[in-house]
Amino acid sequence: MTHVVSESCIRCKYTDCVDVCPVDCFREGPNFLVIDPDECIDCAVCIPECPAGAIYAEEDLPADQLDFIALNAELAQADGWKSITKRKAPLPDADEWKDKTGKLSELIR
């Protein structure tokens, strides 16, 4: 199993999780982070670090977020989605978007 970044991360992109990842499995896009399932070692240290509650173990992912399993795998391999290993500031309006739902249309690939 792996861990998955869900919709809650879109337009927030808090990077607290990146600092604790022992294998640098996070990839960064313009307004979203993903976890590379080929790199994740299922350690779960990232879950409590996410201020948006966006990271789940694959088996704990809410039913309405299951498409994010494939989306994380796809984007982790996409051109332009590079490894992120150091914490950065969240997006400027992250706190406004953190608790919103239905953000998939806001995802910039």
N, C-alpha and C. Protein backbone atom coordinates (compact mmCIF):
# COMPACT_ATOMS: atom_id res chain seq x y z
N MET A 1 0.84 -1.19 0.00
CA MET A 1 0.00 0.00 0.00
C MET A 1 0.88 1.25 0.00
N THR A 2 0.25 2.35 -0.30
CA THR A 2 0.94 3.63 -0.32
C THR A 2 0.05 4.68 0.34
N HIS A 3 0.55 5.86 0.38
CA HIS A 3 -0.24 6.99 0.88
C HIS A 3 -0.63 7.86 -0.30
N VAL A 4 -1.72 8.59 -0.12
CA VAL A 4 -2.31 9.35 -1.22
C VAL A 4 -2.63 10.76 -0.74
N VAL A 5 -2.31 11.74 -1.59
CA VAL A 5 -2.71 13.11 -1.33
C VAL A 5 -4.08 13.31 -1.98
N SER A 6 -5.03 13.80 -1.21
CA SER A 6 -6.41 13.94 -1.70
C SER A 6 -6.71 15.39 -2.09
N GLU A 7 -7.96 15.58 -2.46
CA GLU A 7 -8.45 16.87 -2.95
C GLU A 7 -8.19 18.04 -2.02
N SER A 8 -8.12 17.79 -0.73
CA SER A 8 -7.94 18.87 0.24
C SER A 8 -6.67 19.68 0.01
N CYS A 9 -5.69 19.09 -0.66
CA CYS A 9 -4.41 19.78 -0.92
C CYS A 9 -4.52 20.80 -2.06
N ILE A 10 -5.47 20.62 -2.94
CA ILE A 10 -5.59 21.51 -4.10
C ILE A 10 -5.79 22.95 -3.64
N ARG A 11 -5.00 23.84 -4.19
CA ARG A 11 -4.99 25.28 -3.92
C ARG A 11 -4.49 25.63 -2.52
N CYS A 12 -3.93 24.66 -1.84
CA CYS A 12 -3.31 24.92 -0.53
C CYS A 12 -1.82 24.69 -0.63
N LYS A 13 -1.46 23.44 -0.93
CA LYS A 13 -0.08 23.02 -1.10
C LYS A 13 0.78 23.37 0.11
N TYR A 14 0.28 22.98 1.28
CA TYR A 14 1.12 23.05 2.47
C TYR A 14 2.22 22.00 2.28
N THR A 15 3.41 22.29 2.70
CA THR A 15 4.51 21.35 2.48
C THR A 15 5.12 20.83 3.78
N ASP A 16 4.40 20.91 4.85
CA ASP A 16 4.87 20.39 6.14
C ASP A 16 5.23 18.90 6.02
N CYS A 17 4.47 18.18 5.20
CA CYS A 17 4.66 16.75 5.00
C CYS A 17 6.01 16.42 4.39
N VAL A 18 6.50 17.30 3.55
CA VAL A 18 7.75 17.08 2.83
C VAL A 18 8.93 16.98 3.80
N ASP A 19 8.92 17.81 4.82
CA ASP A 19 10.02 17.83 5.78
C ASP A 19 10.22 16.51 6.53
N VAL A 20 9.16 15.76 6.72
CA VAL A 20 9.26 14.54 7.51
C VAL A 20 9.40 13.27 6.68
N CYS A 21 9.23 13.37 5.38
CA CYS A 21 9.29 12.19 4.51
C CYS A 21 10.72 11.66 4.42
N PRO A 22 10.95 10.42 4.86
CA PRO A 22 12.31 9.89 4.85
C PRO A 22 12.81 9.46 3.47
N VAL A 23 11.91 9.37 2.49
CA VAL A 23 12.31 8.88 1.17
C VAL A 23 12.05 9.90 0.05
N ASP A 24 11.65 11.11 0.40
CA ASP A 24 11.43 12.16 -0.60
C ASP A 24 10.49 11.72 -1.72
N CYS A 25 9.32 11.22 -1.35
CA CYS A 25 8.39 10.70 -2.36
C CYS A 25 7.36 11.73 -2.83
N PHE A 26 7.43 12.96 -2.34
CA PHE A 26 6.47 13.98 -2.76
C PHE A 26 6.91 14.63 -4.06
N ARG A 27 5.94 14.92 -4.92
CA ARG A 27 6.16 15.63 -6.17
C ARG A 27 5.29 16.88 -6.12
N GLU A 28 5.81 17.96 -6.71
CA GLU A 28 5.14 19.26 -6.62
C GLU A 28 4.66 19.72 -7.98
N GLY A 29 3.38 20.11 -8.02
CA GLY A 29 2.82 20.76 -9.19
C GLY A 29 2.50 22.20 -8.84
N PRO A 30 1.87 22.92 -9.75
CA PRO A 30 1.59 24.33 -9.50
C PRO A 30 0.74 24.63 -8.26
N ASN A 31 -0.27 23.79 -8.01
CA ASN A 31 -1.13 24.07 -6.85
C ASN A 31 -1.56 22.80 -6.10
N PHE A 32 -0.69 21.79 -6.12
CA PHE A 32 -1.05 20.50 -5.54
C PHE A 32 0.24 19.69 -5.35
N LEU A 33 0.26 18.84 -4.34
CA LEU A 33 1.34 17.88 -4.15
C LEU A 33 0.78 16.48 -4.38
N VAL A 34 1.64 15.57 -4.82
CA VAL A 34 1.25 14.16 -4.91
C VAL A 34 2.35 13.31 -4.28
N ILE A 35 2.00 12.08 -4.00
CA ILE A 35 2.95 11.11 -3.50
C ILE A 35 3.21 10.10 -4.60
N ASP A 36 4.49 9.88 -4.88
CA ASP A 36 4.87 8.88 -5.87
C ASP A 36 4.70 7.50 -5.22
N PRO A 37 3.75 6.70 -5.71
CA PRO A 37 3.51 5.39 -5.08
C PRO A 37 4.68 4.43 -5.22
N ASP A 38 5.55 4.66 -6.20
CA ASP A 38 6.72 3.80 -6.36
C ASP A 38 7.81 4.11 -5.35
N GLU A 39 7.74 5.28 -4.72
CA GLU A 39 8.74 5.70 -3.76
C GLU A 39 8.26 5.61 -2.30
N CYS A 40 6.96 5.74 -2.08
CA CYS A 40 6.39 5.75 -0.73
C CYS A 40 6.66 4.42 -0.03
N ILE A 41 7.13 4.49 1.22
CA ILE A 41 7.39 3.28 2.00
C ILE A 41 6.32 3.03 3.05
N ASP A 42 5.23 3.77 2.96
CA ASP A 42 4.08 3.53 3.83
C ASP A 42 4.39 3.75 5.31
N CYS A 43 5.23 4.75 5.60
CA CYS A 43 5.62 4.99 6.99
C CYS A 43 4.60 5.82 7.78
N ALA A 44 3.77 6.58 7.08
CA ALA A 44 2.67 7.36 7.66
C ALA A 44 3.09 8.59 8.45
N VAL A 45 4.36 8.96 8.45
CA VAL A 45 4.77 10.13 9.23
C VAL A 45 4.22 11.43 8.63
N CYS A 46 3.83 11.42 7.38
CA CYS A 46 3.31 12.62 6.73
C CYS A 46 1.88 12.95 7.14
N ILE A 47 1.11 11.95 7.49
CA ILE A 47 -0.33 12.16 7.75
C ILE A 47 -0.59 13.23 8.81
N PRO A 48 -0.01 13.13 10.01
CA PRO A 48 -0.32 14.14 11.02
C PRO A 48 0.27 15.52 10.74
N GLU A 49 1.20 15.61 9.80
CA GLU A 49 1.84 16.89 9.50
C GLU A 49 1.02 17.78 8.59
N CYS A 50 0.06 17.23 7.88
CA CYS A 50 -0.70 18.00 6.89
C CYS A 50 -1.79 18.85 7.56
N PRO A 51 -1.67 20.19 7.48
CA PRO A 51 -2.67 21.06 8.09
C PRO A 51 -4.05 20.96 7.45
N ALA A 52 -4.09 20.46 6.21
CA ALA A 52 -5.37 20.34 5.50
C ALA A 52 -5.98 18.95 5.66
N GLY A 53 -5.30 18.04 6.32
CA GLY A 53 -5.81 16.68 6.47
C GLY A 53 -5.98 15.99 5.12
N ALA A 54 -5.04 16.24 4.20
CA ALA A 54 -5.18 15.78 2.83
C ALA A 54 -4.53 14.44 2.54
N ILE A 55 -3.77 13.88 3.49
CA ILE A 55 -3.02 12.66 3.22
C ILE A 55 -3.65 11.48 3.96
N TYR A 56 -3.82 10.40 3.20
CA TYR A 56 -4.44 9.18 3.74
C TYR A 56 -3.63 7.96 3.32
N ALA A 57 -3.67 6.93 4.15
CA ALA A 57 -3.24 5.62 3.69
C ALA A 57 -4.24 5.21 2.62
N GLU A 58 -3.77 4.57 1.59
CA GLU A 58 -4.65 4.20 0.48
C GLU A 58 -5.91 3.48 0.95
N GLU A 59 -5.76 2.58 1.90
CA GLU A 59 -6.92 1.81 2.37
C GLU A 59 -7.89 2.64 3.22
N ASP A 60 -7.47 3.82 3.67
CA ASP A 60 -8.32 4.69 4.48
C ASP A 60 -8.91 5.86 3.69
N LEU A 61 -8.59 5.93 2.42
CA LEU A 61 -9.06 7.03 1.58
C LEU A 61 -10.58 7.02 1.50
N PRO A 62 -11.23 8.16 1.74
CA PRO A 62 -12.70 8.20 1.62
C PRO A 62 -13.15 7.78 0.22
N ALA A 63 -14.30 7.18 0.15
CA ALA A 63 -14.81 6.66 -1.12
C ALA A 63 -14.88 7.71 -2.22
N ASP A 64 -15.19 8.95 -1.85
CA ASP A 64 -15.30 10.00 -2.87
C ASP A 64 -13.94 10.53 -3.31
N GLN A 65 -12.86 9.99 -2.77
CA GLN A 65 -11.51 10.42 -3.11
C GLN A 65 -10.69 9.32 -3.80
N LEU A 66 -11.30 8.19 -4.11
CA LEU A 66 -10.57 7.05 -4.66
C LEU A 66 -9.88 7.36 -5.99
N ASP A 67 -10.41 8.29 -6.77
CA ASP A 67 -9.76 8.66 -8.04
C ASP A 67 -8.38 9.28 -7.81
N PHE A 68 -8.11 9.73 -6.61
CA PHE A 68 -6.83 10.35 -6.32
C PHE A 68 -5.69 9.32 -6.23
N ILE A 69 -6.02 8.05 -6.11
CA ILE A 69 -4.97 7.02 -6.15
C ILE A 69 -4.31 7.05 -7.53
N ALA A 70 -5.11 6.97 -8.57
CA ALA A 70 -4.58 7.01 -9.93
C ALA A 70 -4.00 8.38 -10.26
N LEU A 71 -4.63 9.44 -9.77
CA LEU A 71 -4.16 10.78 -10.06
C LEU A 71 -2.76 11.02 -9.46
N ASN A 72 -2.54 10.56 -8.23
CA ASN A 72 -1.21 10.69 -7.62
C ASN A 72 -0.17 9.94 -8.46
N ALA A 73 -0.50 8.71 -8.86
CA ALA A 73 0.44 7.91 -9.66
C ALA A 73 0.73 8.58 -11.00
N GLU A 74 -0.30 9.09 -11.64
CA GLU A 74 -0.13 9.75 -12.94
C GLU A 74 0.73 11.00 -12.83
N LEU A 75 0.37 11.89 -11.92
CA LEU A 75 1.08 13.16 -11.82
C LEU A 75 2.49 13.01 -11.27
N ALA A 76 2.74 11.99 -10.48
CA ALA A 76 4.09 11.75 -9.96
C ALA A 76 5.08 11.49 -11.10
N GLN A 77 4.56 11.01 -12.23
CA GLN A 77 5.40 10.72 -13.39
C GLN A 77 5.32 11.79 -14.47
N ALA A 78 4.48 12.79 -14.28
CA ALA A 78 4.24 13.80 -15.31
C ALA A 78 5.42 14.77 -15.42
N ASP A 79 5.66 15.22 -16.64
CA ASP A 79 6.68 16.24 -16.85
C ASP A 79 6.32 17.48 -16.04
N GLY A 80 7.31 18.06 -15.45
CA GLY A 80 7.10 19.28 -14.68
C GLY A 80 6.78 19.05 -13.21
N TRP A 81 6.41 17.83 -12.84
CA TRP A 81 6.13 17.50 -11.44
C TRP A 81 7.41 16.93 -10.84
N LYS A 82 8.15 17.79 -10.18
CA LYS A 82 9.47 17.44 -9.67
C LYS A 82 9.43 17.10 -8.19
N SER A 83 10.44 16.38 -7.75
CA SER A 83 10.58 16.04 -6.35
C SER A 83 10.71 17.30 -5.51
N ILE A 84 10.05 17.31 -4.38
CA ILE A 84 10.17 18.41 -3.43
C ILE A 84 10.68 17.82 -2.11
N THR A 85 11.75 18.39 -1.59
CA THR A 85 12.39 17.83 -0.41
C THR A 85 12.50 18.81 0.75
N LYS A 86 12.14 20.05 0.51
CA LYS A 86 12.22 21.07 1.56
C LYS A 86 10.89 21.82 1.64
N ARG A 87 10.53 22.17 2.85
CA ARG A 87 9.30 22.92 3.09
C ARG A 87 9.36 24.28 2.40
N LYS A 88 8.24 24.67 1.84
CA LYS A 88 8.07 25.99 1.23
C LYS A 88 6.83 26.63 1.84
N ALA A 89 6.67 27.90 1.61
CA ALA A 89 5.45 28.58 2.06
C ALA A 89 4.26 28.01 1.28
N PRO A 90 3.10 27.89 1.93
CA PRO A 90 1.91 27.45 1.20
C PRO A 90 1.49 28.52 0.21
N LEU A 91 0.54 28.18 -0.63
CA LEU A 91 0.02 29.17 -1.55
C LEU A 91 -0.58 30.32 -0.76
N PRO A 92 -0.54 31.54 -1.30
CA PRO A 92 -0.96 32.72 -0.53
C PRO A 92 -2.37 32.65 0.04
N ASP A 93 -3.29 32.01 -0.66
CA ASP A 93 -4.67 31.93 -0.18
C ASP A 93 -5.02 30.54 0.34
N ALA A 94 -4.00 29.79 0.77
CA ALA A 94 -4.21 28.41 1.23
C ALA A 94 -5.23 28.31 2.36
N ASP A 95 -5.16 29.19 3.33
CA ASP A 95 -6.08 29.10 4.46
C ASP A 95 -7.53 29.29 4.03
N GLU A 96 -7.75 30.06 2.98
CA GLU A 96 -9.12 30.26 2.46
C GLU A 96 -9.64 29.01 1.77
N TRP A 97 -8.75 28.23 1.17
CA TRP A 97 -9.14 27.04 0.40
C TRP A 97 -9.09 25.75 1.20
N LYS A 98 -8.43 25.75 2.33
CA LYS A 98 -8.14 24.53 3.08
C LYS A 98 -9.36 23.65 3.33
N ASP A 99 -10.46 24.23 3.74
CA ASP A 99 -11.63 23.44 4.12
C ASP A 99 -12.70 23.34 3.04
N LYS A 100 -12.41 23.85 1.84
CA LYS A 100 -13.39 23.78 0.75
C LYS A 100 -13.37 22.39 0.13
N THR A 101 -14.50 22.00 -0.41
CA THR A 101 -14.62 20.72 -1.12
C THR A 101 -14.92 21.02 -2.59
N GLY A 102 -14.90 19.99 -3.41
CA GLY A 102 -15.20 20.15 -4.82
C GLY A 102 -14.14 20.96 -5.56
N LYS A 103 -12.87 20.76 -5.22
CA LYS A 103 -11.80 21.57 -5.79
C LYS A 103 -11.09 20.93 -6.98
N LEU A 104 -11.50 19.76 -7.41
CA LEU A 104 -10.79 19.07 -8.48
C LEU A 104 -10.68 19.92 -9.74
N SER A 105 -11.70 20.71 -10.04
CA SER A 105 -11.65 21.57 -11.23
C SER A 105 -10.60 22.67 -11.10
N GLU A 106 -10.11 22.92 -9.90
CA GLU A 106 -9.09 23.93 -9.65
C GLU A 106 -7.67 23.40 -9.85
N LEU A 107 -7.53 22.08 -10.01
CA LEU A 107 -6.21 21.47 -10.14
C LEU A 107 -5.53 21.91 -11.42
N ILE A 108 -4.32 22.41 -11.29
CA ILE A 108 -3.50 22.79 -12.45
C ILE A 108 -2.50 21.68 -12.68
N ARG A 109 -2.57 21.09 -13.83
CA ARG A 109 -1.66 19.98 -14.15
C ARG A 109 -0.44 20.54 -14.78
